[in-house]
Amino acid sequence: MNQLPIGLVFPGQGTQKEGMGAAWRESPSWDLTAEISEVTGEDIPRLLLHTPGEQLRRTDLAQLAVFTVAVIAHAEAVRRGALGGRVVACAGHSLGEYAALTAAGALTVADAAALVAVRGRAMRDAAEAREGTMGVLVAAPLAEVETLVAAVRASGADVWIANVNSPGQTVVSGSPGGIDALDAEAPAIGAKMIRLQVGGAFHSPYMAPAAETLRRALKNAPFAPTHLPVVANADAEPYTGDCDWPELSTRQLTSPVLWERSVATLTGRLGCRRLVELGPGRTLAGLVRRIDGDTEVVSLDSPDALDVQPDASEET
């Protein structure tokens, strides 16, 4: 009997909600909140249990909250033997890449948390310095979105592709005027714009100041020389330590998250037969089903979910 090869995937900012840590409070892995509090200077238990939802939208707090729940979920799944297979690779969406690096053994929880704190504060500062926003264009092919974004930018508006999430779902980022212009033109390609309630134009050149701040922190981060493959957002390529993670992680802030291609790398080249989403919500599971309907995907978003995983062994 061999265990099914699985990939672990971790969600990003936007999946946070008020009281998101309550379900995990009684689990042994809740002890990680003390460690993360110490290295970040934030009261993580309070953040996960008592911070109002509106305040949790603040970029730096949202990122710490989502990261913490993701690493708790992973630690608890490992402790209970609930992953249901042999982990062969990891990936995370935007912020989720730091939880993926932790799960893969590239960073310790403490080192990753410290980087998440720097990243969140730097992105918040950059957003406050230059107003920006984001939206999702749905129901249009990527090639047509790319053409439209290029045309709107050529007209003088600041707008860029921020996330290529799945077929028919592309996130755009830029100035409020740029997003307004895309919204007005979206029907021309059969697309609909859904505005996102975010604090800035993430994954765009507007984040260049944050990228420079993060670069300095990343240069001193002790990445392990070898680890499980992690598929990088910046190029959808898998890396096992033979790479420049500081450069890849810095580039991620100002370039698109190539999630659709990343999932294809996991299920194709890396041979993942099941993807397991760890952290708050089930956003990534929905995207995976749109990208590759033949790959099984499960979301371990609560302790109860850890108790109902099927046996994932397969005959040799």
Protein backbone atom coordinates (compact mmCIF):
# COMPACT_ATOMS: atom_id res chain seq x y z
CA MET A 1 0.00 0.00 0.00
CA ASN A 2 1.31 3.45 -0.93
CA GLN A 3 -0.15 6.68 0.34
CA LEU A 4 -1.71 8.99 -2.19
CA PRO A 5 0.65 11.86 -3.12
CA ILE A 6 -0.89 15.11 -1.93
CA GLY A 7 -0.16 18.81 -2.16
CA LEU A 8 -0.88 21.27 0.61
CA VAL A 9 -2.33 24.65 -0.33
CA PHE A 10 -2.75 27.69 1.92
CA PRO A 11 -5.12 30.66 1.47
CA GLY A 12 -4.25 34.33 1.51
CA GLN A 13 -5.58 37.64 2.73
CA GLY A 14 -9.33 38.08 2.37
CA THR A 15 -10.24 34.82 4.08
CA GLN A 16 -10.09 36.36 7.57
CA LYS A 17 -13.22 36.84 9.67
CA GLU A 18 -14.11 37.81 13.21
CA GLY A 19 -13.60 35.01 15.75
CA MET A 20 -11.71 32.89 13.22
CA GLY A 21 -9.56 31.28 15.90
CA ALA A 22 -12.37 30.11 18.18
CA ALA A 23 -12.63 26.65 16.64
CA TRP A 24 -8.93 26.00 17.25
CA ARG A 25 -8.68 27.42 20.77
CA GLU A 26 -8.83 24.07 22.56
CA SER A 27 -6.40 22.28 20.24
CA PRO A 28 -2.81 21.64 21.39
CA SER A 29 -1.50 23.55 18.37
CA TRP A 30 -3.10 26.74 19.74
CA ASP A 31 0.19 27.10 21.66
CA LEU A 32 1.67 28.46 18.42
CA THR A 33 -0.21 31.71 19.07
CA ALA A 34 2.14 32.47 21.99
CA GLU A 35 5.22 31.96 19.82
CA ILE A 36 3.82 34.12 17.02
CA SER A 37 2.79 36.83 19.49
CA GLU A 38 6.33 36.97 20.85
CA VAL A 39 8.06 37.41 17.50
CA THR A 40 5.52 39.83 15.99
CA GLY A 41 4.64 42.01 18.96
CA GLU A 42 0.91 41.44 18.37
CA ASP A 43 -1.57 39.81 20.76
CA ILE A 44 -2.45 36.93 18.46
CA PRO A 45 -5.07 35.24 20.69
CA ARG A 46 -6.92 38.54 20.95
CA LEU A 47 -6.59 39.04 17.19
CA LEU A 48 -8.10 35.63 16.45
CA LEU A 49 -10.82 35.69 19.09
CA HIS A 50 -11.93 39.24 19.84
CA THR A 51 -10.88 41.66 17.07
CA PRO A 52 -13.91 43.10 15.20
CA GLY A 53 -14.28 42.09 11.58
CA GLU A 54 -13.87 45.65 10.33
CA GLN A 55 -10.53 45.98 12.12
CA LEU A 56 -9.42 42.61 10.74
CA ARG A 57 -9.59 44.10 7.25
CA ARG A 58 -6.45 46.07 8.13
CA THR A 59 -3.75 44.57 5.95
CA ASP A 60 -1.15 43.82 8.61
CA LEU A 61 -3.66 42.29 11.02
CA ALA A 62 -5.43 40.29 8.33
CA GLN A 63 -2.17 38.72 7.17
CA LEU A 64 -1.09 37.69 10.66
CA ALA A 65 -4.53 36.26 11.41
CA VAL A 66 -4.72 34.17 8.24
CA PHE A 67 -1.11 32.97 8.54
CA THR A 68 -1.60 31.91 12.16
CA VAL A 69 -4.77 29.94 11.52
CA ALA A 70 -3.10 28.25 8.53
CA VAL A 71 -0.07 27.08 10.51
CA ILE A 72 -2.28 25.95 13.42
CA ALA A 73 -4.43 23.94 11.01
CA HIS A 74 -1.35 22.37 9.44
CA ALA A 75 0.28 21.56 12.78
CA GLU A 76 -2.93 20.03 14.10
CA ALA A 77 -3.49 18.01 10.91
CA VAL A 78 0.03 16.62 11.17
CA ARG A 79 -0.40 15.87 14.88
CA ARG A 80 -3.63 13.95 14.22
CA GLY A 81 -2.37 12.23 11.07
CA ALA A 82 -5.27 13.78 9.18
CA LEU A 83 -3.60 14.82 5.92
CA GLY A 84 -4.62 11.58 4.31
CA GLY A 85 -1.57 10.97 2.19
CA ARG A 86 2.10 11.54 1.53
CA VAL A 87 2.88 15.26 1.20
CA VAL A 88 4.98 15.85 -1.91
CA ALA A 89 4.62 19.61 -2.43
CA CYS A 90 3.15 22.85 -1.07
CA ALA A 91 1.86 26.14 -2.45
CA GLY A 92 0.14 29.19 -1.03
CA HIS A 93 -1.88 32.01 -2.54
CA SER A 94 -0.03 35.31 -1.98
CA LEU A 95 0.33 35.56 1.82
CA GLY A 96 -0.32 31.80 1.91
CA GLU A 97 3.11 31.24 0.41
CA TYR A 98 4.61 31.87 3.86
CA ALA A 99 2.51 29.11 5.42
CA ALA A 100 3.52 26.88 2.50
CA LEU A 101 7.21 27.61 3.14
CA THR A 102 6.67 26.73 6.80
CA ALA A 103 4.88 23.46 6.02
CA ALA A 104 7.59 22.53 3.52
CA GLY A 105 10.36 23.04 6.08
CA ALA A 106 11.89 26.08 4.38
CA LEU A 107 11.15 28.39 7.34
CA THR A 108 10.31 27.90 11.00
CA VAL A 109 6.98 29.19 12.26
CA ALA A 110 8.75 31.99 14.14
CA ASP A 111 10.86 33.08 11.16
CA ALA A 112 7.90 33.01 8.79
CA ALA A 113 5.72 34.94 11.27
CA ALA A 114 8.36 37.64 11.60
CA LEU A 115 8.43 38.02 7.81
CA VAL A 116 4.63 38.12 7.62
CA ALA A 117 4.62 40.93 10.19
CA VAL A 118 7.14 42.96 8.17
CA ARG A 119 5.28 42.24 4.93
CA GLY A 120 1.88 43.23 6.28
CA ARG A 121 3.08 46.48 7.81
CA ALA A 122 5.05 47.40 4.69
CA MET A 123 2.08 46.74 2.43
CA ARG A 124 -0.18 48.77 4.70
CA ASP A 125 2.28 51.68 4.62
CA ALA A 126 2.56 51.51 0.83
CA ALA A 127 -1.23 51.46 0.45
CA GLU A 128 -1.62 54.47 2.74
CA ALA A 129 1.00 56.37 0.73
CA ARG A 130 -0.68 55.70 -2.62
CA GLU A 131 -4.39 55.00 -2.90
CA GLY A 132 -5.28 51.87 -4.81
CA THR A 133 -7.90 49.18 -5.06
CA MET A 134 -8.67 45.84 -6.71
CA GLY A 135 -11.45 44.00 -8.49
CA VAL A 136 -12.20 40.62 -10.04
CA LEU A 137 -13.05 40.24 -13.70
CA VAL A 138 -15.17 37.12 -14.13
CA ALA A 139 -16.43 35.22 -17.18
CA ALA A 140 -13.77 36.37 -19.63
CA PRO A 141 -10.73 34.48 -21.00
CA LEU A 142 -7.34 35.60 -19.68
CA ALA A 143 -6.11 36.66 -23.12
CA GLU A 144 -9.02 39.08 -23.52
CA VAL A 145 -8.50 40.45 -20.01
CA GLU A 146 -4.82 41.00 -20.77
CA THR A 147 -5.69 42.89 -23.95
CA LEU A 148 -8.24 45.06 -22.17
CA VAL A 149 -5.92 45.84 -19.26
CA ALA A 150 -3.16 46.81 -21.68
CA ALA A 151 -5.52 49.10 -23.59
CA VAL A 152 -6.77 50.84 -20.44
CA ARG A 153 -3.20 51.29 -19.21
CA ALA A 154 -2.19 52.69 -22.61
CA SER A 155 -4.90 55.32 -22.17
CA GLY A 156 -3.06 56.60 -19.11
CA ALA A 157 -4.76 54.73 -16.26
CA ASP A 158 -2.81 52.73 -13.71
CA VAL A 159 -4.09 49.14 -13.82
CA TRP A 160 -2.46 45.72 -13.89
CA ILE A 161 -3.32 42.03 -13.59
CA ALA A 162 -2.77 40.98 -9.97
CA ASN A 163 -3.94 37.34 -9.72
CA VAL A 164 -4.66 34.75 -12.38
CA ASN A 165 -6.84 32.61 -10.14
CA SER A 166 -8.71 30.19 -12.41
CA PRO A 167 -10.36 30.07 -15.83
CA GLY A 168 -12.70 33.05 -15.97
CA GLN A 169 -11.44 34.67 -12.78
CA THR A 170 -8.72 37.32 -13.03
CA VAL A 171 -7.99 39.86 -10.31
CA VAL A 172 -6.91 43.36 -11.36
CA SER A 173 -5.18 46.02 -9.32
CA GLY A 174 -4.51 49.72 -9.72
CA SER A 175 -5.70 53.23 -9.05
CA PRO A 176 -9.40 53.82 -8.28
CA GLY A 177 -9.70 55.52 -11.66
CA GLY A 178 -8.02 52.64 -13.42
CA ILE A 179 -10.36 50.10 -11.86
CA ASP A 180 -13.34 52.33 -12.72
CA ALA A 181 -12.18 52.42 -16.34
CA LEU A 182 -11.84 48.63 -16.47
CA ASP A 183 -15.28 48.26 -14.92
CA ALA A 184 -16.77 50.44 -17.65
CA GLU A 185 -15.06 48.48 -20.43
CA ALA A 186 -15.56 44.98 -18.99
CA PRO A 187 -18.88 44.30 -20.82
CA ALA A 188 -17.02 44.67 -24.12
CA ILE A 189 -15.30 41.34 -23.45
CA GLY A 190 -18.30 39.74 -21.76
CA ALA A 191 -16.84 40.23 -18.29
CA LYS A 192 -18.30 41.45 -15.03
CA MET A 193 -16.32 43.39 -12.45
CA ILE A 194 -16.68 42.53 -8.76
CA ARG A 195 -15.04 45.11 -6.52
CA LEU A 196 -12.88 43.85 -3.67
CA GLN A 197 -12.87 45.48 -0.23
CA VAL A 198 -9.11 45.77 0.11
CA GLY A 199 -6.78 48.42 1.44
CA GLY A 200 -4.54 48.89 -1.58
CA ALA A 201 -3.43 47.92 -5.07
CA PHE A 202 -1.67 44.70 -4.12
CA HIS A 203 0.52 42.73 -6.55
CA SER A 204 1.13 45.84 -8.62
CA PRO A 205 3.90 48.44 -8.97
CA TYR A 206 2.14 50.41 -6.22
CA MET A 207 3.71 47.92 -3.79
CA ALA A 208 7.30 48.73 -4.82
CA PRO A 209 8.09 50.53 -1.52
CA ALA A 210 6.81 47.52 0.43
CA ALA A 211 8.90 45.20 -1.72
CA GLU A 212 12.09 47.08 -0.83
CA THR A 213 11.28 46.92 2.88
CA LEU A 214 10.50 43.21 2.65
CA ARG A 215 13.65 42.54 0.62
CA ARG A 216 15.81 43.74 3.51
CA ALA A 217 14.05 41.41 5.95
CA LEU A 218 14.18 38.47 3.57
CA LYS A 219 17.93 38.80 3.04
CA ASN A 220 18.45 37.95 6.72
CA ALA A 221 15.87 35.17 6.89
CA PRO A 222 17.31 31.67 7.48
CA PHE A 223 15.77 29.68 4.64
CA ALA A 224 16.61 25.98 4.82
CA PRO A 225 18.99 24.79 2.07
CA THR A 226 16.66 21.89 1.21
CA HIS A 227 12.94 21.41 1.73
CA LEU A 228 9.83 19.94 0.12
CA PRO A 229 8.97 21.53 -3.23
CA VAL A 230 7.13 24.85 -2.92
CA VAL A 231 5.50 26.24 -6.06
CA ALA A 232 6.29 29.96 -6.20
CA ASN A 233 3.55 32.48 -6.99
CA ALA A 234 5.89 34.55 -9.14
CA ASP A 235 6.57 31.94 -11.83
CA ALA A 236 4.56 28.81 -10.89
CA GLU A 237 7.80 26.82 -10.71
CA PRO A 238 8.62 24.35 -7.90
CA TYR A 239 11.69 24.97 -5.75
CA THR A 240 13.32 22.73 -3.17
CA GLY A 241 15.80 25.18 -1.69
CA ASP A 242 17.95 25.55 -4.81
CA CYS A 243 16.65 29.05 -5.44
CA ASP A 244 16.63 32.66 -4.31
CA TRP A 245 13.53 32.79 -2.11
CA PRO A 246 14.22 36.39 -1.06
CA GLU A 247 14.06 37.43 -4.71
CA LEU A 248 10.98 35.34 -5.49
CA SER A 249 9.15 36.61 -2.40
CA THR A 250 10.06 40.21 -3.14
CA ARG A 251 8.95 39.91 -6.75
CA GLN A 252 5.63 38.44 -5.58
CA LEU A 253 4.56 41.81 -4.12
CA THR A 254 4.66 43.64 -7.45
CA SER A 255 3.81 40.88 -9.93
CA PRO A 256 0.79 38.64 -10.54
CA VAL A 257 0.02 35.58 -8.44
CA LEU A 258 0.00 32.79 -11.04
CA TRP A 259 -2.37 30.53 -9.14
CA GLU A 260 -3.96 28.71 -12.07
CA ARG A 261 -0.52 27.72 -13.36
CA SER A 262 0.64 26.84 -9.83
CA VAL A 263 -2.20 24.36 -9.39
CA ALA A 264 -1.37 22.86 -12.79
CA THR A 265 2.23 22.43 -11.62
CA LEU A 266 1.07 20.66 -8.46
CA THR A 267 -1.30 18.28 -10.23
CA GLY A 268 0.80 17.82 -13.34
CA ARG A 269 4.56 17.87 -12.98
CA LEU A 270 4.56 17.17 -9.23
CA GLY A 271 1.99 14.39 -9.43
CA CYS A 272 -0.36 15.50 -6.64
CA ARG A 273 -3.48 13.33 -6.71
CA ARG A 274 -5.20 15.27 -3.93
CA LEU A 275 -4.87 18.88 -2.77
CA VAL A 276 -5.53 19.73 0.87
CA GLU A 277 -6.43 23.31 1.75
CA LEU A 278 -5.34 24.32 5.26
CA GLY A 279 -6.51 27.53 6.88
CA PRO A 280 -9.63 29.67 7.07
CA GLY A 281 -12.37 29.21 4.51
CA ARG A 282 -12.63 27.12 1.37
CA THR A 283 -11.72 29.65 -1.30
CA LEU A 284 -8.85 27.67 -2.80
CA ALA A 285 -10.88 24.47 -3.03
CA GLY A 286 -13.36 26.31 -5.24
CA LEU A 287 -10.59 27.60 -7.48
CA VAL A 288 -8.96 24.17 -7.74
CA ARG A 289 -12.22 22.62 -8.88
CA ARG A 290 -12.45 25.22 -11.66
CA ILE A 291 -8.83 24.63 -12.68
CA ASP A 292 -8.71 20.84 -12.54
CA GLY A 293 -11.99 19.10 -11.91
CA ASP A 294 -10.31 15.67 -11.92
CA THR A 295 -8.16 16.35 -8.84
CA GLU A 296 -9.67 15.68 -5.44
CA VAL A 297 -9.54 18.66 -3.10
CA VAL A 298 -10.53 18.92 0.54
CA SER A 299 -10.56 21.85 2.98
CA LEU A 300 -9.37 21.33 6.55
CA ASP A 301 -10.76 24.56 7.94
CA SER A 302 -11.76 23.37 11.42
CA PRO A 303 -10.83 20.68 13.93
CA ASP A 304 -14.03 18.84 13.05
CA ALA A 305 -12.89 18.61 9.43
CA LEU A 306 -9.72 16.83 10.57
CA ASP A 307 -11.79 13.97 11.98
CA VAL A 308 -13.65 13.03 8.80
CA GLN A 309 -10.87 12.53 6.27
CA PRO A 310 -11.11 9.29 4.26
CA ASP A 311 -8.27 6.82 3.98
CA ALA A 312 -6.14 7.99 1.05
CA SER A 313 -3.98 4.93 0.52
CA GLU A 314 -3.75 3.29 -2.88
CA GLU A 315 -2.69 -0.10 -4.06
CA THR A 316 0.72 -0.42 -5.68
